[in-house]
Structure formats: structure tokens, C-alpha cells
């Protein structure tokens, strides 16, 4: 089985001492991702709906590098700078996931950059081979 560390080509550079994704058996754990433009590697300063979409797309890139997709996600943790942004975040979240509805937790959190409005981590299940 073992542990596989997952990085993406052209994805956001980790901002700290962590791995973007880890595959442990049939589970894939995606570290907290933010609204980082994958081309420029810079935080996208915009509204929460747009930041949510960009962040979820970053999560999808990591999953793709592990051979998984969005429909393999079983649990999502959403972190919002301001919980009053829940409805705007939820619109982008629902548009991104469509009919797929993983388990989810949403909490208010403080971030190291005041321009960052959302962060997402998740767990996916994708049997190997």
C-alpha cells in the first residue's frame, strides 16, 4: 500500500511545510487549498464566489494528479473568513459539484492573508488499480 505524495505540474506552490495531496491506500487527502491562480501562483483577490470556484478547481487538479476526480470526494471542509459569505460560497460550491453531494463541514476561520476569503480541504475515495 504505502504513502504517495501528490504534487501537480502547473499548480499552486505549497505556502508551507506540507504536501498538497497524500494517497494512503484507496483514500486521497487534499491539504487546505486557497484561491491561488495556477498560472501565476498568486492569490486571486476577488469575491468569495470566485475564490471558491478557483479553490475548488485547485482541489480538482490535485485529485486529477492522483488519478481521481471530483465525484470521488467523500468529505469536504470549507473554511470561510466571514460566515456571512455562506450563501455566495454555497452557490459556487453547488455549481462546481452539481449532483454530487459529499459530506461537508463549513466553519468561519481566520487566514494569514486578509484578502483570502476561503480555504478548502477534502478526502476522496478512489480504489487503486
C-alpha atoms as a PDB file:
ATOM      1  CA  UNK A   1       0.000   0.000   0.000  1.00  0.00           C
ATOM      2  CA  UNK A   2       2.330   2.769   1.173  1.00  0.00           C
ATOM      3  CA  UNK A   3       2.009   6.513   1.126  1.00  0.00           C
ATOM      4  CA  UNK A   4       2.224   8.526  -2.096  1.00  0.00           C
ATOM      5  CA  UNK A   5       2.809  12.260  -2.047  1.00  0.00           C
ATOM      6  CA  UNK A   6       0.893  14.131  -4.745  1.00  0.00           C
ATOM      7  CA  UNK A   7       2.072  17.294  -6.474  1.00  0.00           C
ATOM      8  CA  UNK A   8       0.706  18.933  -9.616  1.00  0.00           C
ATOM      9  CA  UNK A   9       2.513  20.381 -12.590  1.00  0.00           C
ATOM     10  CA  UNK A  10       1.383  23.958 -13.043  1.00  0.00           C
ATOM     11  CA  UNK A  11      -0.446  24.048  -9.734  1.00  0.00           C
ATOM     12  CA  UNK A  12      -0.082  26.314  -6.742  1.00  0.00           C
ATOM     13  CA  UNK A  13       3.188  26.057  -4.866  1.00  0.00           C
ATOM     14  CA  UNK A  14       2.699  24.974  -1.236  1.00  0.00           C
ATOM     15  CA  UNK A  15       2.961  28.001   1.071  1.00  0.00           C
ATOM     16  CA  UNK A  16       4.314  25.989   3.986  1.00  0.00           C
ATOM     17  CA  UNK A  17       5.757  22.671   5.093  1.00  0.00           C
ATOM     18  CA  UNK A  18       3.103  20.326   3.672  1.00  0.00           C
ATOM     19  CA  UNK A  19       2.259  18.167   0.674  1.00  0.00           C
ATOM     20  CA  UNK A  20      -0.722  19.225  -1.497  1.00  0.00           C
ATOM     21  CA  UNK A  21      -2.119  15.694  -1.531  1.00  0.00           C
ATOM     22  CA  UNK A  22      -1.443  12.304   0.015  1.00  0.00           C
ATOM     23  CA  UNK A  23      -2.705   8.959  -1.224  1.00  0.00           C
ATOM     24  CA  UNK A  24      -2.928   6.363   1.540  1.00  0.00           C
ATOM     25  CA  UNK A  25      -4.344   3.185   0.063  1.00  0.00           C
ATOM     26  CA  UNK A  26      -7.682   3.962  -1.547  1.00  0.00           C
ATOM     27  CA  UNK A  27      -8.021   7.352   0.167  1.00  0.00           C
ATOM     28  CA  UNK A  28      -6.685  10.683  -1.086  1.00  0.00           C
ATOM     29  CA  UNK A  29      -6.290  13.556   1.370  1.00  0.00           C
ATOM     30  CA  UNK A  30      -6.042  17.035  -0.127  1.00  0.00           C
ATOM     31  CA  UNK A  31      -4.408  19.687   2.045  1.00  0.00           C
ATOM     32  CA  UNK A  32      -6.075  23.057   2.528  1.00  0.00           C
ATOM     33  CA  UNK A  33      -6.156  24.911  -0.780  1.00  0.00           C
ATOM     34  CA  UNK A  34      -6.834  28.561  -1.420  1.00  0.00           C
ATOM     35  CA  UNK A  35      -7.684  30.779  -4.366  1.00  0.00           C
ATOM     36  CA  UNK A  36      -4.234  30.689  -5.943  1.00  0.00           C
ATOM     37  CA  UNK A  37      -4.073  31.218  -9.693  1.00  0.00           C
ATOM     38  CA  UNK A  38      -2.364  28.077 -11.048  1.00  0.00           C
ATOM     39  CA  UNK A  39      -0.650  30.038 -13.843  1.00  0.00           C
ATOM     40  CA  UNK A  40       0.721  32.992 -11.875  1.00  0.00           C
ATOM     41  CA  UNK A  41       0.914  31.218  -8.465  1.00  0.00           C
ATOM     42  CA  UNK A  42      -0.564  34.364  -6.893  1.00  0.00           C
ATOM     43  CA  UNK A  43      -3.569  34.774  -4.587  1.00  0.00           C
ATOM     44  CA  UNK A  44      -6.609  35.900  -6.595  1.00  0.00           C
ATOM     45  CA  UNK A  45      -8.113  38.877  -4.771  1.00  0.00           C
ATOM     46  CA  UNK A  46     -11.806  38.915  -5.671  1.00  0.00           C
ATOM     47  CA  UNK A  47     -15.223  37.988  -4.239  1.00  0.00           C
ATOM     48  CA  UNK A  48     -15.903  34.817  -2.234  1.00  0.00           C
ATOM     49  CA  UNK A  49     -17.861  33.153  -5.038  1.00  0.00           C
ATOM     50  CA  UNK A  50     -14.956  33.463  -7.471  1.00  0.00           C
ATOM     51  CA  UNK A  51     -12.418  32.487  -4.818  1.00  0.00           C
ATOM     52  CA  UNK A  52     -14.488  29.385  -4.021  1.00  0.00           C
ATOM     53  CA  UNK A  53     -14.574  28.333  -7.679  1.00  0.00           C
ATOM     54  CA  UNK A  54     -10.810  28.834  -8.115  1.00  0.00           C
ATOM     55  CA  UNK A  55     -10.073  26.970  -4.882  1.00  0.00           C
ATOM     56  CA  UNK A  56     -12.247  24.005  -5.840  1.00  0.00           C
ATOM     57  CA  UNK A  57     -10.569  23.892  -9.260  1.00  0.00           C
ATOM     58  CA  UNK A  58      -7.216  23.701  -7.448  1.00  0.00           C
ATOM     59  CA  UNK A  59      -8.529  20.780  -5.401  1.00  0.00           C
ATOM     60  CA  UNK A  60      -9.654  19.074  -8.633  1.00  0.00           C
ATOM     61  CA  UNK A  61      -6.133  19.458 -10.114  1.00  0.00           C
ATOM     62  CA  UNK A  62      -4.594  17.650  -7.156  1.00  0.00           C
ATOM     63  CA  UNK A  63      -7.163  14.871  -7.367  1.00  0.00           C
ATOM     64  CA  UNK A  64      -6.504  14.510 -11.113  1.00  0.00           C
ATOM     65  CA  UNK A  65      -2.786  14.123 -10.399  1.00  0.00           C
ATOM     66  CA  UNK A  66      -3.760  11.190  -8.145  1.00  0.00           C
ATOM     67  CA  UNK A  67      -5.968   9.642 -10.812  1.00  0.00           C
ATOM     68  CA  UNK A  68      -9.212  10.722  -9.131  1.00  0.00           C
ATOM     69  CA  UNK A  69     -11.960  13.220  -9.819  1.00  0.00           C
ATOM     70  CA  UNK A  70     -14.460  15.444  -8.084  1.00  0.00           C
ATOM     71  CA  UNK A  71     -17.074  12.667  -7.862  1.00  0.00           C
ATOM     72  CA  UNK A  72     -14.602  10.649  -5.778  1.00  0.00           C
ATOM     73  CA  UNK A  73     -14.725  13.260  -2.985  1.00  0.00           C
ATOM     74  CA  UNK A  74     -16.452  11.917   0.127  1.00  0.00           C
ATOM     75  CA  UNK A  75     -15.791  14.759   2.618  1.00  0.00           C
ATOM     76  CA  UNK A  76     -15.157  18.484   2.219  1.00  0.00           C
ATOM     77  CA  UNK A  77     -14.177  21.042   4.848  1.00  0.00           C
ATOM     78  CA  UNK A  78     -14.939  24.640   3.884  1.00  0.00           C
ATOM     79  CA  UNK A  79     -13.322  27.474   5.792  1.00  0.00           C
ATOM     80  CA  UNK A  80     -14.724  30.995   5.343  1.00  0.00           C
ATOM     81  CA  UNK A  81     -13.160  34.216   6.549  1.00  0.00           C
ATOM     82  CA  UNK A  82     -16.684  35.546   7.150  1.00  0.00           C
ATOM     83  CA  UNK A  83     -19.542  33.088   7.704  1.00  0.00           C
ATOM     84  CA  UNK A  84     -21.956  35.674   6.314  1.00  0.00           C
ATOM     85  CA  UNK A  85     -20.448  34.736   2.898  1.00  0.00           C
ATOM     86  CA  UNK A  86     -22.016  31.268   3.220  1.00  0.00           C
ATOM     87  CA  UNK A  87     -24.711  31.774   0.555  1.00  0.00           C
ATOM     88  CA  UNK A  88     -22.260  33.114  -2.045  1.00  0.00           C
ATOM     89  CA  UNK A  89     -19.824  30.288  -1.305  1.00  0.00           C
ATOM     90  CA  UNK A  90     -22.640  27.761  -1.477  1.00  0.00           C
ATOM     91  CA  UNK A  91     -23.689  28.970  -4.968  1.00  0.00           C
ATOM     92  CA  UNK A  92     -20.193  28.357  -6.331  1.00  0.00           C
ATOM     93  CA  UNK A  93     -19.919  25.071  -4.415  1.00  0.00           C
ATOM     94  CA  UNK A  94     -23.250  23.769  -5.782  1.00  0.00           C
ATOM     95  CA  UNK A  95     -22.357  24.810  -9.341  1.00  0.00           C
ATOM     96  CA  UNK A  96     -18.998  23.051  -9.049  1.00  0.00           C
ATOM     97  CA  UNK A  97     -20.307  19.777  -7.598  1.00  0.00           C
ATOM     98  CA  UNK A  98     -23.632  19.575  -9.455  1.00  0.00           C
ATOM     99  CA  UNK A  99     -25.494  16.421  -8.425  1.00  0.00           C
ATOM    100  CA  UNK A 100     -22.540  15.098  -6.394  1.00  0.00           C
ATOM    101  CA  UNK A 101     -23.057  15.936  -2.718  1.00  0.00           C
ATOM    102  CA  UNK A 102     -20.150  14.912  -0.479  1.00  0.00           C
ATOM    103  CA  UNK A 103     -20.361  15.273   3.289  1.00  0.00           C
ATOM    104  CA  UNK A 104     -19.367  18.826   4.239  1.00  0.00           C
ATOM    105  CA  UNK A 105     -18.452  20.977   7.190  1.00  0.00           C
ATOM    106  CA  UNK A 106     -18.317  24.782   6.916  1.00  0.00           C
ATOM    107  CA  UNK A 107     -16.723  26.947   9.584  1.00  0.00           C
ATOM    108  CA  UNK A 108     -15.534  30.526   9.987  1.00  0.00           C
ATOM    109  CA  UNK A 109     -11.763  30.887  10.194  1.00  0.00           C
ATOM    110  CA  UNK A 110      -9.020  33.497  10.185  1.00  0.00           C
ATOM    111  CA  UNK A 111      -6.360  33.336   7.492  1.00  0.00           C
ATOM    112  CA  UNK A 112      -2.799  34.609   7.338  1.00  0.00           C
ATOM    113  CA  UNK A 113      -3.736  36.900   4.403  1.00  0.00           C
ATOM    114  CA  UNK A 114      -6.706  39.220   4.852  1.00  0.00           C
ATOM    115  CA  UNK A 115      -7.538  39.022   1.119  1.00  0.00           C
ATOM    116  CA  UNK A 116      -8.104  35.269   1.356  1.00  0.00           C
ATOM    117  CA  UNK A 117     -11.794  34.550   1.888  1.00  0.00           C
ATOM    118  CA  UNK A 118     -11.961  30.755   1.541  1.00  0.00           C
ATOM    119  CA  UNK A 119      -9.910  27.609   2.049  1.00  0.00           C
ATOM    120  CA  UNK A 120     -10.904  24.024   1.232  1.00  0.00           C
ATOM    121  CA  UNK A 121      -9.592  20.600   2.131  1.00  0.00           C
ATOM    122  CA  UNK A 122     -11.109  17.237   1.312  1.00  0.00           C
ATOM    123  CA  UNK A 123     -10.913  13.467   1.399  1.00  0.00           C
ATOM    124  CA  UNK A 124     -11.575  11.358  -1.690  1.00  0.00           C
ATOM    125  CA  UNK A 125     -12.003   7.616  -2.084  1.00  0.00           C
ATOM    126  CA  UNK A 126     -10.624   6.048  -5.280  1.00  0.00           C
ATOM    127  CA  UNK A 127      -9.721   2.352  -5.211  1.00  0.00           C
ATOM    128  CA  UNK A 128      -6.354   1.669  -6.798  1.00  0.00           C
ATOM    129  CA  UNK A 129      -5.946  -0.496  -9.871  1.00  0.00           C
END
